[in-house]
Amino acid sequence: MSRNYYWIPTEPLKEYLDSAFPIGRNCGHDNERRSFALGISTGYYKRLKYRNEISWVVADRLATNLGRHPKEIWTDWYELTDR
């Protein structure tokens, strides 16, 4: 099985985004702000919000786009990706 098929839960990423980019009152641009920080389109971010898992490659890319190591978002990163 290719390493691209390791799946990572999205919940830690959602929690990180909630703490780093809290939803503002009357702002209405939260999706755009978060998608810009992640380096992805707003449409892709809207789909990502409802996913339970993403591949480890995508998770790594999203974390580095945020300027973080994936271990900072997924505390069990090495256990999830070193099977």
PDB file of N, CA and C in Angstrom:
ATOM      1  N   MET A   1       0.850  -1.183   0.000  1.00  0.00           N
ATOM      2  CA  MET A   1       0.000   0.000   0.000  1.00  0.00           C
ATOM      3  C   MET A   1       0.893   1.244   0.000  1.00  0.00           C
ATOM      4  N   SER A   2       0.562   2.175  -0.818  1.00  0.00           N
ATOM      5  CA  SER A   2       1.322   3.414  -0.904  1.00  0.00           C
ATOM      6  C   SER A   2       1.123   4.251   0.357  1.00  0.00           C
ATOM      7  N   ARG A   3       2.162   4.985   0.727  1.00  0.00           N
ATOM      8  CA  ARG A   3       2.067   5.834   1.927  1.00  0.00           C
ATOM      9  C   ARG A   3       1.032   6.937   1.754  1.00  0.00           C
ATOM     10  N   ASN A   4       0.635   7.229   0.523  1.00  0.00           N
ATOM     11  CA  ASN A   4      -0.370   8.260   0.295  1.00  0.00           C
ATOM     12  C   ASN A   4      -1.739   7.861   0.824  1.00  0.00           C
ATOM     13  N   TYR A   5      -1.890   6.606   1.182  1.00  0.00           N
ATOM     14  CA  TYR A   5      -3.192   6.146   1.640  1.00  0.00           C
ATOM     15  C   TYR A   5      -3.338   6.168   3.153  1.00  0.00           C
ATOM     16  N   TYR A   6      -2.377   6.735   3.865  1.00  0.00           N
ATOM     17  CA  TYR A   6      -2.544   6.903   5.301  1.00  0.00           C
ATOM     18  C   TYR A   6      -3.484   8.067   5.523  1.00  0.00           C
ATOM     19  N   TRP A   7      -4.485   7.840   6.329  1.00  0.00           N
ATOM     20  CA  TRP A   7      -5.503   8.865   6.565  1.00  0.00           C
ATOM     21  C   TRP A   7      -5.338   9.454   7.947  1.00  0.00           C
ATOM     22  N   ILE A   8      -5.498  10.762   8.011  1.00  0.00           N
ATOM     23  CA  ILE A   8      -5.306  11.533   9.227  1.00  0.00           C
ATOM     24  C   ILE A   8      -6.636  12.199   9.587  1.00  0.00           C
ATOM     25  N   PRO A   9      -7.043  12.171  10.864  1.00  0.00           N
ATOM     26  CA  PRO A   9      -8.294  12.841  11.243  1.00  0.00           C
ATOM     27  C   PRO A   9      -8.186  14.360  11.074  1.00  0.00           C
ATOM     28  N   THR A  10      -9.262  14.985  10.653  1.00  0.00           N
ATOM     29  CA  THR A  10      -9.259  16.437  10.434  1.00  0.00           C
ATOM     30  C   THR A  10      -9.598  17.228  11.700  1.00  0.00           C
ATOM     31  N   GLU A  11     -10.087  16.567  12.711  1.00  0.00           N
ATOM     32  CA  GLU A  11     -10.524  17.281  13.919  1.00  0.00           C
ATOM     33  C   GLU A  11      -9.410  18.134  14.546  1.00  0.00           C
ATOM     34  N   PRO A  12      -8.168  17.638  14.683  1.00  0.00           N
ATOM     35  CA  PRO A  12      -7.122  18.503  15.236  1.00  0.00           C
ATOM     36  C   PRO A  12      -6.865  19.754  14.390  1.00  0.00           C
ATOM     37  N   LEU A  13      -6.972  19.635  13.082  1.00  0.00           N
ATOM     38  CA  LEU A  13      -6.803  20.801  12.215  1.00  0.00           C
ATOM     39  C   LEU A  13      -7.928  21.802  12.448  1.00  0.00           C
ATOM     40  N   LYS A  14      -9.141  21.311  12.575  1.00  0.00           N
ATOM     41  CA  LYS A  14     -10.284  22.192  12.835  1.00  0.00           C
ATOM     42  C   LYS A  14     -10.113  22.912  14.170  1.00  0.00           C
ATOM     43  N   GLU A  15      -9.638  22.183  15.180  1.00  0.00           N
ATOM     44  CA  GLU A  15      -9.419  22.796  16.488  1.00  0.00           C
ATOM     45  C   GLU A  15      -8.320  23.855  16.415  1.00  0.00           C
ATOM     46  N   TYR A  16      -7.264  23.568  15.672  1.00  0.00           N
ATOM     47  CA  TYR A  16      -6.187  24.541  15.512  1.00  0.00           C
ATOM     48  C   TYR A  16      -6.707  25.807  14.827  1.00  0.00           C
ATOM     49  N   LEU A  17      -7.481  25.628  13.767  1.00  0.00           N
ATOM     50  CA  LEU A  17      -8.022  26.787  13.047  1.00  0.00           C
ATOM     51  C   LEU A  17      -8.961  27.595  13.938  1.00  0.00           C
ATOM     52  N   ASP A  18      -9.740  26.906  14.774  1.00  0.00           N
ATOM     53  CA  ASP A  18     -10.641  27.618  15.691  1.00  0.00           C
ATOM     54  C   ASP A  18      -9.858  28.472  16.688  1.00  0.00           C
ATOM     55  N   SER A  19      -8.691  27.974  17.117  1.00  0.00           N
ATOM     56  CA  SER A  19      -7.916  28.754  18.079  1.00  0.00           C
ATOM     57  C   SER A  19      -7.082  29.838  17.400  1.00  0.00           C
ATOM     58  N   ALA A  20      -6.527  29.544  16.233  1.00  0.00           N
ATOM     59  CA  ALA A  20      -5.667  30.513  15.543  1.00  0.00           C
ATOM     60  C   ALA A  20      -6.453  31.551  14.762  1.00  0.00           C
ATOM     61  N   PHE A  21      -7.605  31.163  14.233  1.00  0.00           N
ATOM     62  CA  PHE A  21      -8.446  32.047  13.427  1.00  0.00           C
ATOM     63  C   PHE A  21      -9.885  31.942  13.917  1.00  0.00           C
ATOM     64  N   PRO A  22     -10.176  32.506  15.099  1.00  0.00           N
ATOM     65  CA  PRO A  22     -11.528  32.385  15.648  1.00  0.00           C
ATOM     66  C   PRO A  22     -12.566  33.017  14.725  1.00  0.00           C
ATOM     67  N   ILE A  23     -13.750  32.445  14.769  1.00  0.00           N
ATOM     68  CA  ILE A  23     -14.839  32.966  13.951  1.00  0.00           C
ATOM     69  C   ILE A  23     -15.248  34.318  14.522  1.00  0.00           C
ATOM     70  N   GLY A  24     -15.212  35.322  13.673  1.00  0.00           N
ATOM     71  CA  GLY A  24     -15.506  36.682  14.113  1.00  0.00           C
ATOM     72  C   GLY A  24     -16.988  36.997  14.065  1.00  0.00           C
ATOM     73  N   ARG A  25     -17.385  37.899  14.892  1.00  0.00           N
ATOM     74  CA  ARG A  25     -18.776  38.366  14.880  1.00  0.00           C
ATOM     75  C   ARG A  25     -18.990  39.272  13.687  1.00  0.00           C
ATOM     76  N   ASN A  26     -20.063  39.059  13.000  1.00  0.00           N
ATOM     77  CA  ASN A  26     -20.490  39.892  11.878  1.00  0.00           C
ATOM     78  C   ASN A  26     -19.446  39.994  10.761  1.00  0.00           C
ATOM     79  N   CYS A  27     -18.470  39.109  10.773  1.00  0.00           N
ATOM     80  CA  CYS A  27     -17.409  39.209   9.771  1.00  0.00           C
ATOM     81  C   CYS A  27     -17.870  38.617   8.448  1.00  0.00           C
ATOM     82  N   GLY A  28     -18.312  37.385   8.450  1.00  0.00           N
ATOM     83  CA  GLY A  28     -18.792  36.757   7.246  1.00  0.00           C
ATOM     84  C   GLY A  28     -17.711  36.322   6.281  1.00  0.00           C
ATOM     85  N   HIS A  29     -16.448  36.561   6.615  1.00  0.00           N
ATOM     86  CA  HIS A  29     -15.356  36.192   5.726  1.00  0.00           C
ATOM     87  C   HIS A  29     -14.443  35.143   6.359  1.00  0.00           C
ATOM     88  N   ASP A  30     -14.972  34.376   7.293  1.00  0.00           N
ATOM     89  CA  ASP A  30     -14.154  33.400   8.000  1.00  0.00           C
ATOM     90  C   ASP A  30     -13.640  32.309   7.070  1.00  0.00           C
ATOM     91  N   ASN A  31     -14.486  31.820   6.172  1.00  0.00           N
ATOM     92  CA  ASN A  31     -14.048  30.792   5.239  1.00  0.00           C
ATOM     93  C   ASN A  31     -12.916  31.303   4.357  1.00  0.00           C
ATOM     94  N   GLU A  32     -13.031  32.527   3.891  1.00  0.00           N
ATOM     95  CA  GLU A  32     -11.997  33.102   3.039  1.00  0.00           C
ATOM     96  C   GLU A  32     -10.687  33.291   3.804  1.00  0.00           C
ATOM     97  N   ARG A  33     -10.800  33.748   5.041  1.00  0.00           N
ATOM     98  CA  ARG A  33      -9.615  33.990   5.869  1.00  0.00           C
ATOM     99  C   ARG A  33      -8.877  32.685   6.162  1.00  0.00           C
ATOM    100  N   ARG A  34      -9.625  31.672   6.518  1.00  0.00           N
ATOM    101  CA  ARG A  34      -9.010  30.383   6.831  1.00  0.00           C
ATOM    102  C   ARG A  34      -8.458  29.706   5.577  1.00  0.00           C
ATOM    103  N   SER A  35      -9.174  29.774   4.482  1.00  0.00           N
ATOM    104  CA  SER A  35      -8.677  29.149   3.252  1.00  0.00           C
ATOM    105  C   SER A  35      -7.411  29.850   2.769  1.00  0.00           C
ATOM    106  N   PHE A  36      -7.339  31.170   2.916  1.00  0.00           N
ATOM    107  CA  PHE A  36      -6.131  31.912   2.541  1.00  0.00           C
ATOM    108  C   PHE A  36      -4.946  31.469   3.401  1.00  0.00           C
ATOM    109  N   ALA A  37      -5.177  31.316   4.702  1.00  0.00           N
ATOM    110  CA  ALA A  37      -4.106  30.883   5.606  1.00  0.00           C
ATOM    111  C   ALA A  37      -3.633  29.475   5.261  1.00  0.00           C
ATOM    112  N   LEU A  38      -4.551  28.612   4.831  1.00  0.00           N
ATOM    113  CA  LEU A  38      -4.200  27.246   4.467  1.00  0.00           C
ATOM    114  C   LEU A  38      -3.601  27.147   3.065  1.00  0.00           C
ATOM    115  N   GLY A  39      -3.742  28.207   2.281  1.00  0.00           N
ATOM    116  CA  GLY A  39      -3.220  28.186   0.927  1.00  0.00           C
ATOM    117  C   GLY A  39      -4.054  27.366  -0.032  1.00  0.00           C
ATOM    118  N   ILE A  40      -5.366  27.325   0.220  1.00  0.00           N
ATOM    119  CA  ILE A  40      -6.275  26.558  -0.637  1.00  0.00           C
ATOM    120  C   ILE A  40      -7.443  27.452  -1.042  1.00  0.00           C
ATOM    121  N   SER A  41      -8.222  26.978  -1.990  1.00  0.00           N
ATOM    122  CA  SER A  41      -9.379  27.756  -2.422  1.00  0.00           C
ATOM    123  C   SER A  41     -10.475  27.714  -1.359  1.00  0.00           C
ATOM    124  N   THR A  42     -11.352  28.685  -1.421  1.00  0.00           N
ATOM    125  CA  THR A  42     -12.470  28.731  -0.477  1.00  0.00           C
ATOM    126  C   THR A  42     -13.385  27.526  -0.671  1.00  0.00           C
ATOM    127  N   GLY A  43     -13.592  27.136  -1.907  1.00  0.00           N
ATOM    128  CA  GLY A  43     -14.431  25.962  -2.177  1.00  0.00           C
ATOM    129  C   GLY A  43     -13.845  24.697  -1.581  1.00  0.00           C
ATOM    130  N   TYR A  44     -12.537  24.528  -1.731  1.00  0.00           N
ATOM    131  CA  TYR A  44     -11.883  23.352  -1.152  1.00  0.00           C
ATOM    132  C   TYR A  44     -11.960  23.398   0.368  1.00  0.00           C
ATOM    133  N   TYR A  45     -11.795  24.569   0.964  1.00  0.00           N
ATOM    134  CA  TYR A  45     -11.895  24.683   2.417  1.00  0.00           C
ATOM    135  C   TYR A  45     -13.303  24.313   2.890  1.00  0.00           C
ATOM    136  N   LYS A  46     -14.317  24.762   2.174  1.00  0.00           N
ATOM    137  CA  LYS A  46     -15.693  24.432   2.570  1.00  0.00           C
ATOM    138  C   LYS A  46     -15.922  22.924   2.542  1.00  0.00           C
ATOM    139  N   ARG A  47     -15.338  22.227   1.572  1.00  0.00           N
ATOM    140  CA  ARG A  47     -15.461  20.771   1.522  1.00  0.00           C
ATOM    141  C   ARG A  47     -14.643  20.131   2.647  1.00  0.00           C
ATOM    142  N   LEU A  48     -13.474  20.687   2.915  1.00  0.00           N
ATOM    143  CA  LEU A  48     -12.593  20.160   3.946  1.00  0.00           C
ATOM    144  C   LEU A  48     -13.243  20.204   5.330  1.00  0.00           C
ATOM    145  N   LYS A  49     -14.039  21.227   5.587  1.00  0.00           N
ATOM    146  CA  LYS A  49     -14.688  21.374   6.893  1.00  0.00           C
ATOM    147  C   LYS A  49     -15.556  20.175   7.250  1.00  0.00           C
ATOM    148  N   TYR A  50     -16.086  19.485   6.252  1.00  0.00           N
ATOM    149  CA  TYR A  50     -17.023  18.397   6.509  1.00  0.00           C
ATOM    150  C   TYR A  50     -16.403  17.016   6.345  1.00  0.00           C
ATOM    151  N   ARG A  51     -15.106  16.960   6.097  1.00  0.00           N
ATOM    152  CA  ARG A  51     -14.420  15.674   5.980  1.00  0.00           C
ATOM    153  C   ARG A  51     -13.961  15.221   7.350  1.00  0.00           C
ATOM    154  N   ASN A  52     -13.982  13.919   7.550  1.00  0.00           N
ATOM    155  CA  ASN A  52     -13.492  13.358   8.808  1.00  0.00           C
ATOM    156  C   ASN A  52     -12.013  13.018   8.735  1.00  0.00           C
ATOM    157  N   GLU A  53     -11.518  12.769   7.518  1.00  0.00           N
ATOM    158  CA  GLU A  53     -10.127  12.394   7.341  1.00  0.00           C
ATOM    159  C   GLU A  53      -9.572  12.994   6.056  1.00  0.00           C
ATOM    160  N   ILE A  54      -8.246  13.190   6.052  1.00  0.00           N
ATOM    161  CA  ILE A  54      -7.537  13.621   4.850  1.00  0.00           C
ATOM    162  C   ILE A  54      -6.262  12.790   4.757  1.00  0.00           C
ATOM    163  N   SER A  55      -5.686  12.731   3.574  1.00  0.00           N
ATOM    164  CA  SER A  55      -4.447  11.968   3.438  1.00  0.00           C
ATOM    165  C   SER A  55      -3.323  12.678   4.181  1.00  0.00           C
ATOM    166  N   TRP A  56      -2.316  11.912   4.559  1.00  0.00           N
ATOM    167  CA  TRP A  56      -1.209  12.498   5.314  1.00  0.00           C
ATOM    168  C   TRP A  56      -0.435  13.505   4.476  1.00  0.00           C
ATOM    169  N   VAL A  57      -0.438  13.329   3.156  1.00  0.00           N
ATOM    170  CA  VAL A  57       0.265  14.268   2.279  1.00  0.00           C
ATOM    171  C   VAL A  57      -0.433  15.629   2.312  1.00  0.00           C
ATOM    172  N   VAL A  58      -1.752  15.624   2.225  1.00  0.00           N
ATOM    173  CA  VAL A  58      -2.521  16.869   2.280  1.00  0.00           C
ATOM    174  C   VAL A  58      -2.381  17.503   3.661  1.00  0.00           C
ATOM    175  N   ALA A  59      -2.440  16.693   4.708  1.00  0.00           N
ATOM    176  CA  ALA A  59      -2.297  17.216   6.072  1.00  0.00           C
ATOM    177  C   ALA A  59      -0.943  17.888   6.249  1.00  0.00           C
ATOM    178  N   ASP A  60       0.107  17.272   5.732  1.00  0.00           N
ATOM    179  CA  ASP A  60       1.445  17.858   5.823  1.00  0.00           C
ATOM    180  C   ASP A  60       1.506  19.183   5.073  1.00  0.00           C
ATOM    181  N   ARG A  61       0.939  19.228   3.883  1.00  0.00           N
ATOM    182  CA  ARG A  61       0.954  20.455   3.082  1.00  0.00           C
ATOM    183  C   ARG A  61       0.185  21.573   3.775  1.00  0.00           C
ATOM    184  N   LEU A  62      -0.976  21.254   4.338  1.00  0.00           N
ATOM    185  CA  LEU A  62      -1.777  22.276   5.012  1.00  0.00           C
ATOM    186  C   LEU A  62      -1.051  22.821   6.241  1.00  0.00           C
ATOM    187  N   ALA A  63      -0.424  21.938   7.005  1.00  0.00           N
ATOM    188  CA  ALA A  63       0.311  22.385   8.197  1.00  0.00           C
ATOM    189  C   ALA A  63       1.473  23.289   7.808  1.00  0.00           C
ATOM    190  N   THR A  64       2.223  22.906   6.785  1.00  0.00           N
ATOM    191  CA  THR A  64       3.362  23.739   6.392  1.00  0.00           C
ATOM    192  C   THR A  64       2.898  25.051   5.779  1.00  0.00           C
ATOM    193  N   ASN A  65       1.748  25.063   5.108  1.00  0.00           N
ATOM    194  CA  ASN A  65       1.207  26.327   4.601  1.00  0.00           C
ATOM    195  C   ASN A  65       0.860  27.268   5.750  1.00  0.00           C
ATOM    196  N   LEU A  66       0.502  26.696   6.897  1.00  0.00           N
ATOM    197  CA  LEU A  66       0.219  27.503   8.087  1.00  0.00           C
ATOM    198  C   LEU A  66       1.498  27.914   8.807  1.00  0.00           C
ATOM    199  N   GLY A  67       2.638  27.435   8.336  1.00  0.00           N
ATOM    200  CA  GLY A  67       3.905  27.742   8.984  1.00  0.00           C
ATOM    201  C   GLY A  67       4.165  26.877  10.201  1.00  0.00           C
ATOM    202  N   ARG A  68       3.564  25.723  10.253  1.00  0.00           N
ATOM    203  CA  ARG A  68       3.691  24.819  11.392  1.00  0.00           C
ATOM    204  C   ARG A  68       4.183  23.461  10.922  1.00  0.00           C
ATOM    205  N   HIS A  69       4.813  22.746  11.818  1.00  0.00           N
ATOM    206  CA  HIS A  69       5.127  21.340  11.560  1.00  0.00           C
ATOM    207  C   HIS A  69       3.848  20.563  11.867  1.00  0.00           C
ATOM    208  N   PRO A  70       3.545  19.521  11.111  1.00  0.00           N
ATOM    209  CA  PRO A  70       2.313  18.762  11.385  1.00  0.00           C
ATOM    210  C   PRO A  70       2.215  18.259  12.822  1.00  0.00           C
ATOM    211  N   LYS A  71       3.343  18.005  13.455  1.00  0.00           N
ATOM    212  CA  LYS A  71       3.353  17.549  14.853  1.00  0.00           C
ATOM    213  C   LYS A  71       2.735  18.584  15.786  1.00  0.00           C
ATOM    214  N   GLU A  72       2.792  19.856  15.402  1.00  0.00           N
ATOM    215  CA  GLU A  72       2.206  20.905  16.231  1.00  0.00           C
ATOM    216  C   GLU A  72       0.676  20.892  16.175  1.00  0.00           C
ATOM    217  N   ILE A  73       0.124  20.332  15.130  1.00  0.00           N
ATOM    218  CA  ILE A  73      -1.335  20.271  14.979  1.00  0.00           C
ATOM    219  C   ILE A  73      -1.853  18.896  15.383  1.00  0.00           C
ATOM    220  N   TRP A  74      -1.200  17.849  14.890  1.00  0.00           N
ATOM    221  CA  TRP A  74      -1.552  16.471  15.234  1.00  0.00           C
ATOM    222  C   TRP A  74      -0.485  15.973  16.197  1.00  0.00           C
ATOM    223  N   THR A  75      -0.796  15.929  17.473  1.00  0.00           N
ATOM    224  CA  THR A  75       0.209  15.544  18.470  1.00  0.00           C
ATOM    225  C   THR A  75       0.675  14.106  18.291  1.00  0.00           C
ATOM    226  N   ASP A  76      -0.124  13.274  17.643  1.00  0.00           N
ATOM    227  CA  ASP A  76       0.244  11.883  17.385  1.00  0.00           C
ATOM    228  C   ASP A  76       0.679  11.679  15.929  1.00  0.00           C
ATOM    229  N   TRP A  77       1.249  12.721  15.330  1.00  0.00           N
ATOM    230  CA  TRP A  77       1.627  12.712  13.908  1.00  0.00           C
ATOM    231  C   TRP A  77       2.505  11.495  13.546  1.00  0.00           C
ATOM    232  N   TYR A  78       3.516  11.240  14.333  1.00  0.00           N
ATOM    233  CA  TYR A  78       4.434  10.158  13.985  1.00  0.00           C
ATOM    234  C   TYR A  78       3.782   8.795  14.132  1.00  0.00           C
ATOM    235  N   GLU A  79       2.916   8.635  15.097  1.00  0.00           N
ATOM    236  CA  GLU A  79       2.190   7.374  15.238  1.00  0.00           C
ATOM    237  C   GLU A  79       1.224   7.172  14.066  1.00  0.00           C
ATOM    238  N   LEU A  80       0.638   8.253  13.595  1.00  0.00           N
ATOM    239  CA  LEU A  80      -0.318   8.152  12.477  1.00  0.00           C
ATOM    240  C   LEU A  80       0.364   7.887  11.144  1.00  0.00           C
ATOM    241  N   THR A  81       1.565   8.383  10.977  1.00  0.00           N
ATOM    242  CA  THR A  81       2.221   8.297   9.663  1.00  0.00           C
ATOM    243  C   THR A  81       3.329   7.273   9.580  1.00  0.00           C
ATOM    244  N   ASP A  82       3.705   6.660  10.672  1.00  0.00           N
ATOM    245  CA  ASP A  82       4.787   5.676  10.660  1.00  0.00           C
ATOM    246  C   ASP A  82       4.234   4.303  11.013  1.00  0.00           C
ATOM    247  N   ARG A  83       3.472   3.772  10.079  1.00  0.00           N
ATOM    248  CA  ARG A  83       2.867   2.445  10.337  1.00  0.00           C
ATOM    249  C   ARG A  83       3.662   1.367   9.683  1.00  0.00           C
TER     250      ARG A  83
END
